[in-house]
Amino acid sequence: MNINPSSKGEELVPIAMAIHQLVNGLPITMRTLNNPGVRIEEGKVLDSNYTGPVLEEVLKSGKMVQKIPEKGEYEGTPVVVVPVMEEGQIIAAMGVVDITKGIYSDIMEITKRPEEFTESRGGQQ
């Protein structure tokens, strides 16, 4: 699989679906720099021409964003969106929609390993 800045929604489905399963079925959104992408919920591709305001924000900033969108498909629901980088360049943005109303994000924060633990393992987690 080769994802690049011009990959289209259909090309993103395998990686987005794998992450959807990895996060226990939370909705996933993903798009590339130059094209709209996918929106996946309940194991199904609902849209293969998708973009959202937080995906757009991350594509511009190149930084992770955790927020509650004020518009778009997931208005009022917490999202976590990260850039997908290759050789220092942003090629895509991928997000998890926290339909647990923040519990998922809280659990991710609570279960972070202490820094001294990861350093003692050589940075491995």
PDB file of N, CA and C in Angstrom:
ATOM      1  N   MET A   1       0.853  -1.170   0.000  1.00  0.00           N
ATOM      2  CA  MET A   1       0.000   0.000   0.000  1.00  0.00           C
ATOM      3  C   MET A   1       0.899   1.233   0.000  1.00  0.00           C
ATOM      4  N   ASN A   2       0.573   2.161  -0.852  1.00  0.00           N
ATOM      5  CA  ASN A   2       1.349   3.385  -0.959  1.00  0.00           C
ATOM      6  C   ASN A   2       0.405   4.576  -0.831  1.00  0.00           C
ATOM      7  N   ILE A   3       0.487   5.276   0.296  1.00  0.00           N
ATOM      8  CA  ILE A   3      -0.322   6.472   0.490  1.00  0.00           C
ATOM      9  C   ILE A   3       0.561   7.676   0.213  1.00  0.00           C
ATOM     10  N   ASN A   4       0.064   8.573  -0.609  1.00  0.00           N
ATOM     11  CA  ASN A   4       0.803   9.789  -0.931  1.00  0.00           C
ATOM     12  C   ASN A   4      -0.153  10.978  -0.845  1.00  0.00           C
ATOM     13  N   PRO A   5       0.357  12.205  -0.987  1.00  0.00           N
ATOM     14  CA  PRO A   5      -0.506  13.386  -0.836  1.00  0.00           C
ATOM     15  C   PRO A   5      -1.699  13.438  -1.784  1.00  0.00           C
ATOM     16  N   SER A   6      -1.649  12.665  -2.870  1.00  0.00           N
ATOM     17  CA  SER A   6      -2.739  12.684  -3.846  1.00  0.00           C
ATOM     18  C   SER A   6      -3.620  11.439  -3.805  1.00  0.00           C
ATOM     19  N   SER A   7      -3.393  10.559  -2.830  1.00  0.00           N
ATOM     20  CA  SER A   7      -4.236   9.362  -2.719  1.00  0.00           C
ATOM     21  C   SER A   7      -5.687   9.780  -2.517  1.00  0.00           C
ATOM     22  N   LYS A   8      -6.583   8.996  -3.079  1.00  0.00           N
ATOM     23  CA  LYS A   8      -8.020   9.271  -2.978  1.00  0.00           C
ATOM     24  C   LYS A   8      -8.645   8.421  -1.883  1.00  0.00           C
ATOM     25  N   GLY A   9      -9.868   8.746  -1.532  1.00  0.00           N
ATOM     26  CA  GLY A   9     -10.567   8.082  -0.445  1.00  0.00           C
ATOM     27  C   GLY A   9     -10.553   6.574  -0.522  1.00  0.00           C
ATOM     28  N   GLU A  10     -10.834   6.027  -1.690  1.00  0.00           N
ATOM     29  CA  GLU A  10     -10.886   4.577  -1.852  1.00  0.00           C
ATOM     30  C   GLU A  10      -9.548   3.925  -1.506  1.00  0.00           C
ATOM     31  N   GLU A  11      -8.453   4.629  -1.779  1.00  0.00           N
ATOM     32  CA  GLU A  11      -7.121   4.102  -1.507  1.00  0.00           C
ATOM     33  C   GLU A  11      -6.793   4.098  -0.009  1.00  0.00           C
ATOM     34  N   LEU A  12      -7.500   4.918   0.762  1.00  0.00           N
ATOM     35  CA  LEU A  12      -7.245   5.031   2.195  1.00  0.00           C
ATOM     36  C   LEU A  12      -8.016   4.011   3.020  1.00  0.00           C
ATOM     37  N   VAL A  13      -8.990   3.374   2.415  1.00  0.00           N
ATOM     38  CA  VAL A  13      -9.875   2.482   3.163  1.00  0.00           C
ATOM     39  C   VAL A  13      -9.122   1.401   3.946  1.00  0.00           C
ATOM     40  N   PRO A  14      -8.156   0.671   3.365  1.00  0.00           N
ATOM     41  CA  PRO A  14      -7.520  -0.402   4.144  1.00  0.00           C
ATOM     42  C   PRO A  14      -6.857   0.081   5.441  1.00  0.00           C
ATOM     43  N   ILE A  15      -6.114   1.161   5.393  1.00  0.00           N
ATOM     44  CA  ILE A  15      -5.441   1.650   6.609  1.00  0.00           C
ATOM     45  C   ILE A  15      -6.449   2.254   7.579  1.00  0.00           C
ATOM     46  N   ALA A  16      -7.412   2.999   7.067  1.00  0.00           N
ATOM     47  CA  ALA A  16      -8.423   3.601   7.942  1.00  0.00           C
ATOM     48  C   ALA A  16      -9.280   2.528   8.611  1.00  0.00           C
ATOM     49  N   MET A  17      -9.617   1.477   7.881  1.00  0.00           N
ATOM     50  CA  MET A  17     -10.420   0.394   8.448  1.00  0.00           C
ATOM     51  C   MET A  17      -9.622  -0.354   9.523  1.00  0.00           C
ATOM     52  N   ALA A  18      -8.331  -0.566   9.292  1.00  0.00           N
ATOM     53  CA  ALA A  18      -7.495  -1.235  10.291  1.00  0.00           C
ATOM     54  C   ALA A  18      -7.438  -0.418  11.583  1.00  0.00           C
ATOM     55  N   ILE A  19      -7.299   0.873  11.461  1.00  0.00           N
ATOM     56  CA  ILE A  19      -7.260   1.723  12.657  1.00  0.00           C
ATOM     57  C   ILE A  19      -8.624   1.753  13.323  1.00  0.00           C
ATOM     58  N   HIS A  20      -9.678   1.771  12.542  1.00  0.00           N
ATOM     59  CA  HIS A  20     -11.047   1.704  13.078  1.00  0.00           C
ATOM     60  C   HIS A  20     -11.204   0.468  13.972  1.00  0.00           C
ATOM     61  N   GLN A  21     -10.708  -0.658  13.512  1.00  0.00           N
ATOM     62  CA  GLN A  21     -10.773  -1.881  14.306  1.00  0.00           C
ATOM     63  C   GLN A  21      -9.860  -1.791  15.526  1.00  0.00           C
ATOM     64  N   LEU A  22      -8.698  -1.194  15.368  1.00  0.00           N
ATOM     65  CA  LEU A  22      -7.730  -1.065  16.453  1.00  0.00           C
ATOM     66  C   LEU A  22      -8.277  -0.251  17.622  1.00  0.00           C
ATOM     67  N   VAL A  23      -9.089   0.760  17.328  1.00  0.00           N
ATOM     68  CA  VAL A  23      -9.647   1.616  18.383  1.00  0.00           C
ATOM     69  C   VAL A  23     -11.062   1.174  18.752  1.00  0.00           C
ATOM     70  N   ASN A  24     -11.299  -0.106  18.598  1.00  0.00           N
ATOM     71  CA  ASN A  24     -12.543  -0.723  19.053  1.00  0.00           C
ATOM     72  C   ASN A  24     -13.784  -0.121  18.400  1.00  0.00           C
ATOM     73  N   GLY A  25     -13.670   0.198  17.117  1.00  0.00           N
ATOM     74  CA  GLY A  25     -14.832   0.640  16.357  1.00  0.00           C
ATOM     75  C   GLY A  25     -15.194   2.107  16.474  1.00  0.00           C
ATOM     76  N   LEU A  26     -14.340   2.925  17.079  1.00  0.00           N
ATOM     77  CA  LEU A  26     -14.628   4.362  17.085  1.00  0.00           C
ATOM     78  C   LEU A  26     -14.579   4.864  15.640  1.00  0.00           C
ATOM     79  N   PRO A  27     -15.407   5.853  15.308  1.00  0.00           N
ATOM     80  CA  PRO A  27     -15.381   6.392  13.950  1.00  0.00           C
ATOM     81  C   PRO A  27     -14.003   6.957  13.595  1.00  0.00           C
ATOM     82  N   ILE A  28     -13.612   6.748  12.346  1.00  0.00           N
ATOM     83  CA  ILE A  28     -12.323   7.205  11.829  1.00  0.00           C
ATOM     84  C   ILE A  28     -12.573   8.075  10.610  1.00  0.00           C
ATOM     85  N   THR A  29     -11.807   9.155  10.524  1.00  0.00           N
ATOM     86  CA  THR A  29     -11.822   9.982   9.323  1.00  0.00           C
ATOM     87  C   THR A  29     -10.373  10.130   8.854  1.00  0.00           C
ATOM     88  N   MET A  30     -10.201  10.234   7.558  1.00  0.00           N
ATOM     89  CA  MET A  30      -8.857  10.390   7.006  1.00  0.00           C
ATOM     90  C   MET A  30      -8.963  11.003   5.628  1.00  0.00           C
ATOM     91  N   ARG A  31      -8.035  11.900   5.342  1.00  0.00           N
ATOM     92  CA  ARG A  31      -7.928  12.463   3.994  1.00  0.00           C
ATOM     93  C   ARG A  31      -6.474  12.788   3.709  1.00  0.00           C
ATOM     94  N   THR A  32      -6.140  12.921   2.448  1.00  0.00           N
ATOM     95  CA  THR A  32      -4.783  13.284   2.080  1.00  0.00           C
ATOM     96  C   THR A  32      -4.706  14.786   1.823  1.00  0.00           C
ATOM     97  N   LEU A  33      -3.502  15.257   1.628  1.00  0.00           N
ATOM     98  CA  LEU A  33      -3.273  16.683   1.428  1.00  0.00           C
ATOM     99  C   LEU A  33      -4.043  17.229   0.228  1.00  0.00           C
ATOM    100  N   ASN A  34      -4.093  16.465  -0.848  1.00  0.00           N
ATOM    101  CA  ASN A  34      -4.677  16.976  -2.097  1.00  0.00           C
ATOM    102  C   ASN A  34      -6.069  16.467  -2.431  1.00  0.00           C
ATOM    103  N   ASN A  35      -6.570  15.507  -1.648  1.00  0.00           N
ATOM    104  CA  ASN A  35      -7.881  14.929  -1.974  1.00  0.00           C
ATOM    105  C   ASN A  35      -8.692  14.614  -0.720  1.00  0.00           C
ATOM    106  N   PRO A  36     -10.010  14.694  -0.842  1.00  0.00           N
ATOM    107  CA  PRO A  36     -10.864  14.231   0.249  1.00  0.00           C
ATOM    108  C   PRO A  36     -10.625  12.749   0.507  1.00  0.00           C
ATOM    109  N   GLY A  37     -11.090  12.282   1.660  1.00  0.00           N
ATOM    110  CA  GLY A  37     -10.797  10.912   2.042  1.00  0.00           C
ATOM    111  C   GLY A  37     -12.007  10.109   2.448  1.00  0.00           C
ATOM    112  N   VAL A  38     -11.888   9.430   3.592  1.00  0.00           N
ATOM    113  CA  VAL A  38     -12.925   8.496   4.019  1.00  0.00           C
ATOM    114  C   VAL A  38     -13.452   8.831   5.410  1.00  0.00           C
ATOM    115  N   ARG A  39     -14.679   8.385   5.624  1.00  0.00           N
ATOM    116  CA  ARG A  39     -15.319   8.440   6.936  1.00  0.00           C
ATOM    117  C   ARG A  39     -15.868   7.055   7.181  1.00  0.00           C
ATOM    118  N   ILE A  40     -15.427   6.449   8.297  1.00  0.00           N
ATOM    119  CA  ILE A  40     -15.809   5.069   8.612  1.00  0.00           C
ATOM    120  C   ILE A  40     -16.485   5.023   9.970  1.00  0.00           C
ATOM    121  N   GLU A  41     -17.626   4.359  10.027  1.00  0.00           N
ATOM    122  CA  GLU A  41     -18.354   4.124  11.276  1.00  0.00           C
ATOM    123  C   GLU A  41     -18.930   2.722  11.235  1.00  0.00           C
ATOM    124  N   GLU A  42     -18.930   2.064  12.389  1.00  0.00           N
ATOM    125  CA  GLU A  42     -19.540   0.741  12.547  1.00  0.00           C
ATOM    126  C   GLU A  42     -19.119  -0.245  11.459  1.00  0.00           C
ATOM    127  N   GLY A  43     -17.827  -0.204  11.116  1.00  0.00           N
ATOM    128  CA  GLY A  43     -17.278  -1.143  10.147  1.00  0.00           C
ATOM    129  C   GLY A  43     -17.633  -0.872   8.702  1.00  0.00           C
ATOM    130  N   LYS A  44     -18.214   0.293   8.418  1.00  0.00           N
ATOM    131  CA  LYS A  44     -18.646   0.611   7.059  1.00  0.00           C
ATOM    132  C   LYS A  44     -18.081   1.949   6.610  1.00  0.00           C
ATOM    133  N   VAL A  45     -17.748   2.023   5.335  1.00  0.00           N
ATOM    134  CA  VAL A  45     -17.341   3.286   4.730  1.00  0.00           C
ATOM    135  C   VAL A  45     -18.615   4.071   4.437  1.00  0.00           C
ATOM    136  N   LEU A  46     -18.805   5.174   5.149  1.00  0.00           N
ATOM    137  CA  LEU A  46     -20.001   5.996   4.946  1.00  0.00           C
ATOM    138  C   LEU A  46     -19.789   7.053   3.867  1.00  0.00           C
ATOM    139  N   ASP A  47     -18.520   7.424   3.659  1.00  0.00           N
ATOM    140  CA  ASP A  47     -18.221   8.472   2.694  1.00  0.00           C
ATOM    141  C   ASP A  47     -16.789   8.266   2.208  1.00  0.00           C
ATOM    142  N   SER A  48     -16.591   8.222   0.903  1.00  0.00           N
ATOM    143  CA  SER A  48     -15.234   8.092   0.362  1.00  0.00           C
ATOM    144  C   SER A  48     -14.795   9.369  -0.346  1.00  0.00           C
ATOM    145  N   ASN A  49     -15.487  10.462  -0.019  1.00  0.00           N
ATOM    146  CA  ASN A  49     -15.139  11.789  -0.531  1.00  0.00           C
ATOM    147  C   ASN A  49     -15.267  12.785   0.613  1.00  0.00           C
ATOM    148  N   TYR A  50     -14.669  12.446   1.770  1.00  0.00           N
ATOM    149  CA  TYR A  50     -14.908  13.162   3.020  1.00  0.00           C
ATOM    150  C   TYR A  50     -13.776  14.115   3.386  1.00  0.00           C
ATOM    151  N   THR A  51     -14.169  15.226   3.970  1.00  0.00           N
ATOM    152  CA  THR A  51     -13.243  16.098   4.678  1.00  0.00           C
ATOM    153  C   THR A  51     -14.006  16.738   5.827  1.00  0.00           C
ATOM    154  N   GLY A  52     -13.288  17.255   6.772  1.00  0.00           N
ATOM    155  CA  GLY A  52     -13.902  17.911   7.919  1.00  0.00           C
ATOM    156  C   GLY A  52     -13.028  19.054   8.387  1.00  0.00           C
ATOM    157  N   PRO A  53     -13.572  19.949   9.190  1.00  0.00           N
ATOM    158  CA  PRO A  53     -12.829  21.142   9.590  1.00  0.00           C
ATOM    159  C   PRO A  53     -11.556  20.857  10.387  1.00  0.00           C
ATOM    160  N   VAL A  54     -11.557  19.819  11.204  1.00  0.00           N
ATOM    161  CA  VAL A  54     -10.359  19.538  11.996  1.00  0.00           C
ATOM    162  C   VAL A  54      -9.314  18.835  11.129  1.00  0.00           C
ATOM    163  N   LEU A  55      -9.738  17.983  10.210  1.00  0.00           N
ATOM    164  CA  LEU A  55      -8.781  17.410   9.260  1.00  0.00           C
ATOM    165  C   LEU A  55      -8.087  18.526   8.487  1.00  0.00           C
ATOM    166  N   GLU A  56      -8.867  19.501   8.033  1.00  0.00           N
ATOM    167  CA  GLU A  56      -8.307  20.640   7.294  1.00  0.00           C
ATOM    168  C   GLU A  56      -7.323  21.432   8.161  1.00  0.00           C
ATOM    169  N   GLU A  57      -7.687  21.644   9.413  1.00  0.00           N
ATOM    170  CA  GLU A  57      -6.818  22.384  10.340  1.00  0.00           C
ATOM    171  C   GLU A  57      -5.470  21.685  10.511  1.00  0.00           C
ATOM    172  N   VAL A  58      -5.499  20.375  10.673  1.00  0.00           N
ATOM    173  CA  VAL A  58      -4.269  19.615  10.864  1.00  0.00           C
ATOM    174  C   VAL A  58      -3.431  19.602   9.585  1.00  0.00           C
ATOM    175  N   LEU A  59      -4.068  19.542   8.433  1.00  0.00           N
ATOM    176  CA  LEU A  59      -3.310  19.609   7.179  1.00  0.00           C
ATOM    177  C   LEU A  59      -2.572  20.930   7.047  1.00  0.00           C
ATOM    178  N   LYS A  60      -3.156  22.001   7.558  1.00  0.00           N
ATOM    179  CA  LYS A  60      -2.508  23.315   7.497  1.00  0.00           C
ATOM    180  C   LYS A  60      -1.410  23.468   8.539  1.00  0.00           C
ATOM    181  N   SER A  61      -1.669  22.987   9.756  1.00  0.00           N
ATOM    182  CA  SER A  61      -0.720  23.204  10.855  1.00  0.00           C
ATOM    183  C   SER A  61       0.355  22.131  10.954  1.00  0.00           C
ATOM    184  N   GLY A  62       0.031  20.908  10.551  1.00  0.00           N
ATOM    185  CA  GLY A  62       0.967  19.807  10.705  1.00  0.00           C
ATOM    186  C   GLY A  62       1.102  19.334  12.140  1.00  0.00           C
ATOM    187  N   LYS A  63       0.176  19.733  13.000  1.00  0.00           N
ATOM    188  CA  LYS A  63       0.225  19.375  14.417  1.00  0.00           C
ATOM    189  C   LYS A  63      -1.052  18.659  14.846  1.00  0.00           C
ATOM    190  N   MET A  64      -0.918  17.798  15.860  1.00  0.00           N
ATOM    191  CA  MET A  64      -2.077  17.104  16.409  1.00  0.00           C
ATOM    192  C   MET A  64      -3.062  18.117  16.998  1.00  0.00           C
ATOM    193  N   VAL A  65      -4.340  17.849  16.824  1.00  0.00           N
ATOM    194  CA  VAL A  65      -5.393  18.702  17.379  1.00  0.00           C
ATOM    195  C   VAL A  65      -6.404  17.821  18.103  1.00  0.00           C
ATOM    196  N   GLN A  66      -6.700  18.201  19.347  1.00  0.00           N
ATOM    197  CA  GLN A  66      -7.783  17.581  20.119  1.00  0.00           C
ATOM    198  C   GLN A  66      -8.778  18.691  20.398  1.00  0.00           C
ATOM    199  N   LYS A  67      -9.987  18.535  19.911  1.00  0.00           N
ATOM    200  CA  LYS A  67     -10.981  19.588  20.129  1.00  0.00           C
ATOM    201  C   LYS A  67     -12.375  19.066  19.858  1.00  0.00           C
ATOM    202  N   ILE A  68     -13.325  19.914  20.137  1.00  0.00           N
ATOM    203  CA  ILE A  68     -14.720  19.631  19.826  1.00  0.00           C
ATOM    204  C   ILE A  68     -15.104  20.554  18.674  1.00  0.00           C
ATOM    205  N   PRO A  69     -15.320  19.994  17.487  1.00  0.00           N
ATOM    206  CA  PRO A  69     -15.650  20.831  16.334  1.00  0.00           C
ATOM    207  C   PRO A  69     -16.950  21.604  16.538  1.00  0.00           C
ATOM    208  N   GLU A  70     -16.960  22.814  16.026  1.00  0.00           N
ATOM    209  CA  GLU A  70     -18.154  23.657  16.109  1.00  0.00           C
ATOM    210  C   GLU A  70     -19.009  23.559  14.858  1.00  0.00           C
ATOM    211  N   LYS A  71     -18.516  22.832  13.859  1.00  0.00           N
ATOM    212  CA  LYS A  71     -19.293  22.613  12.636  1.00  0.00           C
ATOM    213  C   LYS A  71     -18.841  21.304  12.014  1.00  0.00           C
ATOM    214  N   GLY A  72     -19.581  20.852  11.034  1.00  0.00           N
ATOM    215  CA  GLY A  72     -19.232  19.626  10.329  1.00  0.00           C
ATOM    216  C   GLY A  72     -20.009  18.428  10.840  1.00  0.00           C
ATOM    217  N   GLU A  73     -19.696  17.289  10.284  1.00  0.00           N
ATOM    218  CA  GLU A  73     -20.383  16.037  10.580  1.00  0.00           C
ATOM    219  C   GLU A  73     -20.328  15.673  12.061  1.00  0.00           C
ATOM    220  N   TYR A  74     -19.234  16.010  12.734  1.00  0.00           N
ATOM    221  CA  TYR A  74     -19.054  15.621  14.137  1.00  0.00           C
ATOM    222  C   TYR A  74     -19.117  16.823  15.087  1.00  0.00           C
ATOM    223  N   GLU A  75     -19.884  17.807  14.718  1.00  0.00           N
ATOM    224  CA  GLU A  75     -20.097  18.988  15.555  1.00  0.00           C
ATOM    225  C   GLU A  75     -20.509  18.564  16.965  1.00  0.00           C
ATOM    226  N   GLY A  76     -19.796  19.099  17.963  1.00  0.00           N
ATOM    227  CA  GLY A  76     -20.137  18.839  19.355  1.00  0.00           C
ATOM    228  C   GLY A  76     -19.562  17.550  19.931  1.00  0.00           C
ATOM    229  N   THR A  77     -18.815  16.798  19.136  1.00  0.00           N
ATOM    230  CA  THR A  77     -18.230  15.533  19.597  1.00  0.00           C
ATOM    231  C   THR A  77     -16.705  15.645  19.577  1.00  0.00           C
ATOM    232  N   PRO A  78     -16.038  15.275  20.676  1.00  0.00           N
ATOM    233  CA  PRO A  78     -14.568  15.385  20.701  1.00  0.00           C
ATOM    234  C   PRO A  78     -13.901  14.562  19.600  1.00  0.00           C
ATOM    235  N   VAL A  79     -12.862  15.135  19.006  1.00  0.00           N
ATOM    236  CA  VAL A  79     -12.064  14.432  18.008  1.00  0.00           C
ATOM    237  C   VAL A  79     -10.584  14.601  18.336  1.00  0.00           C
ATOM    238  N   VAL A  80      -9.804  13.642  17.905  1.00  0.00           N
ATOM    239  CA  VAL A  80      -8.352  13.724  17.981  1.00  0.00           C
ATOM    240  C   VAL A  80      -7.851  13.470  16.564  1.00  0.00           C
ATOM    241  N   VAL A  81      -7.141  14.442  15.997  1.00  0.00           N
ATOM    242  CA  VAL A  81      -6.666  14.329  14.622  1.00  0.00           C
ATOM    243  C   VAL A  81      -5.151  14.531  14.602  1.00  0.00           C
ATOM    244  N   VAL A  82      -4.468  13.663  13.875  1.00  0.00           N
ATOM    245  CA  VAL A  82      -3.009  13.731  13.784  1.00  0.00           C
ATOM    246  C   VAL A  82      -2.579  13.846  12.325  1.00  0.00           C
ATOM    247  N   PRO A  83      -1.433  14.488  12.111  1.00  0.00           N
ATOM    248  CA  PRO A  83      -0.892  14.504  10.751  1.00  0.00           C
ATOM    249  C   PRO A  83      -0.197  13.186  10.444  1.00  0.00           C
ATOM    250  N   VAL A  84      -0.197  12.812   9.188  1.00  0.00           N
ATOM    251  CA  VAL A  84       0.584  11.677   8.708  1.00  0.00           C
ATOM    252  C   VAL A  84       1.734  12.291   7.913  1.00  0.00           C
ATOM    253  N   MET A  85       2.944  12.042   8.387  1.00  0.00           N
ATOM    254  CA  MET A  85       4.128  12.675   7.804  1.00  0.00           C
ATOM    255  C   MET A  85       4.980  11.652   7.065  1.00  0.00           C
ATOM    256  N   GLU A  86       5.657  12.121   6.021  1.00  0.00           N
ATOM    257  CA  GLU A  86       6.639  11.314   5.317  1.00  0.00           C
ATOM    258  C   GLU A  86       7.782  12.231   4.922  1.00  0.00           C
ATOM    259  N   GLU A  87       8.977  11.873   5.357  1.00  0.00           N
ATOM    260  CA  GLU A  87      10.172  12.660   5.072  1.00  0.00           C
ATOM    261  C   GLU A  87       9.976  14.132   5.435  1.00  0.00           C
ATOM    262  N   GLY A  88       9.348  14.373   6.593  1.00  0.00           N
ATOM    263  CA  GLY A  88       9.158  15.720   7.091  1.00  0.00           C
ATOM    264  C   GLY A  88       8.035  16.509   6.441  1.00  0.00           C
ATOM    265  N   GLN A  89       7.328  15.902   5.516  1.00  0.00           N
ATOM    266  CA  GLN A  89       6.231  16.576   4.820  1.00  0.00           C
ATOM    267  C   GLN A  89       4.909  15.941   5.212  1.00  0.00           C
ATOM    268  N   ILE A  90       3.893  16.773   5.388  1.00  0.00           N
ATOM    269  CA  ILE A  90       2.569  16.242   5.708  1.00  0.00           C
ATOM    270  C   ILE A  90       1.941  15.691   4.432  1.00  0.00           C
ATOM    271  N   ILE A  91       1.442  14.454   4.523  1.00  0.00           N
ATOM    272  CA  ILE A  91       0.805  13.858   3.349  1.00  0.00           C
ATOM    273  C   ILE A  91      -0.676  13.594   3.587  1.00  0.00           C
ATOM    274  N   ALA A  92      -1.082  13.546   4.877  1.00  0.00           N
ATOM    275  CA  ALA A  92      -2.479  13.231   5.176  1.00  0.00           C
ATOM    276  C   ALA A  92      -2.787  13.635   6.613  1.00  0.00           C
ATOM    277  N   ALA A  93      -4.057  13.544   6.954  1.00  0.00           N
ATOM    278  CA  ALA A  93      -4.513  13.746   8.335  1.00  0.00           C
ATOM    279  C   ALA A  93      -5.505  12.638   8.636  1.00  0.00           C
ATOM    280  N   MET A  94      -5.439  12.136   9.879  1.00  0.00           N
ATOM    281  CA  MET A  94      -6.300  11.032  10.298  1.00  0.00           C
ATOM    282  C   MET A  94      -6.868  11.358  11.664  1.00  0.00           C
ATOM    283  N   GLY A  95      -8.147  11.065  11.855  1.00  0.00           N
ATOM    284  CA  GLY A  95      -8.782  11.389  13.121  1.00  0.00           C
ATOM    285  C   GLY A  95      -9.627  10.278  13.696  1.00  0.00           C
ATOM    286  N   VAL A  96      -9.713  10.299  15.014  1.00  0.00           N
ATOM    287  CA  VAL A  96     -10.605   9.420  15.762  1.00  0.00           C
ATOM    288  C   VAL A  96     -11.699  10.301  16.337  1.00  0.00           C
ATOM    289  N   VAL A  97     -12.934   9.891  16.161  1.00  0.00           N
ATOM    290  CA  VAL A  97     -14.071  10.619  16.705  1.00  0.00           C
ATOM    291  C   VAL A  97     -14.438   9.953  18.024  1.00  0.00           C
ATOM    292  N   ASP A  98     -14.323  10.712  19.105  1.00  0.00           N
ATOM    293  CA  ASP A  98     -14.514  10.158  20.449  1.00  0.00           C
ATOM    294  C   ASP A  98     -15.989  10.184  20.834  1.00  0.00           C
ATOM    295  N   ILE A  99     -16.737   9.211  20.276  1.00  0.00           N
ATOM    296  CA  ILE A  99     -18.171   9.148  20.556  1.00  0.00           C
ATOM    297  C   ILE A  99     -18.461   8.770  22.007  1.00  0.00           C
ATOM    298  N   THR A 100     -17.401   8.484  22.779  1.00  0.00           N
ATOM    299  CA  THR A 100     -17.572   8.213  24.209  1.00  0.00           C
ATOM    300  C   THR A 100     -17.680   9.528  24.981  1.00  0.00           C
ATOM    301  N   LYS A 101     -17.719  10.648  24.276  1.00  0.00           N
ATOM    302  CA  LYS A 101     -17.821  11.996  24.857  1.00  0.00           C
ATOM    303  C   LYS A 101     -16.642  12.322  25.766  1.00  0.00           C
ATOM    304  N   GLY A 102     -15.462  11.848  25.384  1.00  0.00           N
ATOM    305  CA  GLY A 102     -14.247  12.210  26.109  1.00  0.00           C
ATOM    306  C   GLY A 102     -13.649  11.094  26.940  1.00  0.00           C
ATOM    307  N   ILE A 103     -14.393  10.032  27.185  1.00  0.00           N
ATOM    308  CA  ILE A 103     -13.863   8.930  27.999  1.00  0.00           C
ATOM    309  C   ILE A 103     -12.653   8.303  27.317  1.00  0.00           C
ATOM    310  N   TYR A 104     -12.727   8.089  25.998  1.00  0.00           N
ATOM    311  CA  TYR A 104     -11.603   7.508  25.261  1.00  0.00           C
ATOM    312  C   TYR A 104     -10.352   8.369  25.437  1.00  0.00           C
ATOM    313  N   SER A 105     -10.501   9.682  25.255  1.00  0.00           N
ATOM    314  CA  SER A 105      -9.356  10.583  25.396  1.00  0.00           C
ATOM    315  C   SER A 105      -8.815  10.565  26.819  1.00  0.00           C
ATOM    316  N   ASP A 106      -9.708  10.524  27.803  1.00  0.00           N
ATOM    317  CA  ASP A 106      -9.276  10.462  29.200  1.00  0.00           C
ATOM    318  C   ASP A 106      -8.499   9.181  29.473  1.00  0.00           C
ATOM    319  N   ILE A 107      -8.980   8.067  28.955  1.00  0.00           N
ATOM    320  CA  ILE A 107      -8.288   6.790  29.163  1.00  0.00           C
ATOM    321  C   ILE A 107      -6.905   6.828  28.527  1.00  0.00           C
ATOM    322  N   MET A 108      -6.782   7.400  27.345  1.00  0.00           N
ATOM    323  CA  MET A 108      -5.480   7.497  26.685  1.00  0.00           C
ATOM    324  C   MET A 108      -4.510   8.309  27.535  1.00  0.00           C
ATOM    325  N   GLU A 109      -4.986   9.367  28.158  1.00  0.00           N
ATOM    326  CA  GLU A 109      -4.143  10.202  29.013  1.00  0.00           C
ATOM    327  C   GLU A 109      -3.787   9.469  30.304  1.00  0.00           C
ATOM    328  N   ILE A 110      -4.759   8.825  30.921  1.00  0.00           N
ATOM    329  CA  ILE A 110      -4.547   8.121  32.187  1.00  0.00           C
ATOM    330  C   ILE A 110      -3.563   6.972  32.018  1.00  0.00           C
ATOM    331  N   THR A 111      -3.631   6.271  30.893  1.00  0.00           N
ATOM    332  CA  THR A 111      -2.810   5.073  30.719  1.00  0.00           C
ATOM    333  C   THR A 111      -1.435   5.342  30.113  1.00  0.00           C
ATOM    334  N   LYS A 112      -1.062   6.595  29.938  1.00  0.00           N
ATOM    335  CA  LYS A 112       0.288   6.890  29.457  1.00  0.00           C
ATOM    336  C   LYS A 112       1.303   6.367  30.457  1.00  0.00           C
ATOM    337  N   ARG A 113       2.332   5.745  29.931  1.00  0.00           N
ATOM    338  CA  ARG A 113       3.388   5.241  30.805  1.00  0.00           C
ATOM    339  C   ARG A 113       4.237   6.398  31.291  1.00  0.00           C
ATOM    340  N   PRO A 114       4.692   6.304  32.541  1.00  0.00           N
ATOM    341  CA  PRO A 114       5.565   7.363  33.054  1.00  0.00           C
ATOM    342  C   PRO A 114       6.813   7.493  32.176  1.00  0.00           C
ATOM    343  N   GLU A 115       7.272   8.714  31.988  1.00  0.00           N
ATOM    344  CA  GLU A 115       8.415   8.975  31.132  1.00  0.00           C
ATOM    345  C   GLU A 115       9.644   8.176  31.557  1.00  0.00           C
ATOM    346  N   GLU A 116       9.873   8.080  32.867  1.00  0.00           N
ATOM    347  CA  GLU A 116      11.061   7.344  33.319  1.00  0.00           C
ATOM    348  C   GLU A 116      10.978   5.862  32.957  1.00  0.00           C
ATOM    349  N   PHE A 117       9.765   5.303  32.849  1.00  0.00           N
ATOM    350  CA  PHE A 117       9.599   3.907  32.459  1.00  0.00           C
ATOM    351  C   PHE A 117       9.995   3.710  30.999  1.00  0.00           C
ATOM    352  N   THR A 118       9.523   4.593  30.123  1.00  0.00           N
ATOM    353  CA  THR A 118       9.832   4.447  28.701  1.00  0.00           C
ATOM    354  C   THR A 118      11.308   4.722  28.435  1.00  0.00           C
ATOM    355  N   GLU A 119      11.903   5.648  29.174  1.00  0.00           N
ATOM    356  CA  GLU A 119      13.331   5.927  29.005  1.00  0.00           C
ATOM    357  C   GLU A 119      14.162   4.727  29.439  1.00  0.00           C
ATOM    358  N   SER A 120      13.759   4.035  30.502  1.00  0.00           N
ATOM    359  CA  SER A 120      14.518   2.879  30.982  1.00  0.00           C
ATOM    360  C   SER A 120      14.440   1.719  29.999  1.00  0.00           C
ATOM    361  N   ARG A 121      13.454   1.738  29.124  1.00  0.00           N
ATOM    362  CA  ARG A 121      13.312   0.682  28.109  1.00  0.00           C
ATOM    363  C   ARG A 121      13.876   1.130  26.768  1.00  0.00           C
ATOM    364  N   GLY A 122      14.651   2.210  26.782  1.00  0.00           N
ATOM    365  CA  GLY A 122      15.247   2.690  25.536  1.00  0.00           C
ATOM    366  C   GLY A 122      14.268   3.352  24.613  1.00  0.00           C
ATOM    367  N   GLY A 123      13.209   3.947  25.194  1.00  0.00           N
ATOM    368  CA  GLY A 123      12.207   4.641  24.381  1.00  0.00           C
ATOM    369  C   GLY A 123      11.135   3.724  23.836  1.00  0.00           C
ATOM    370  N   GLN A 124      11.246   2.422  24.114  1.00  0.00           N
ATOM    371  CA  GLN A 124      10.241   1.472  23.632  1.00  0.00           C
ATOM    372  C   GLN A 124       9.039   1.471  24.573  1.00  0.00           C
ATOM    373  N   GLN A 125       7.896   1.253  23.988  1.00  0.00           N
ATOM    374  CA  GLN A 125       6.678   1.143  24.797  1.00  0.00           C
ATOM    375  C   GLN A 125       6.040  -0.188  24.628  1.00  0.00           C
TER     376      GLN A 125
END
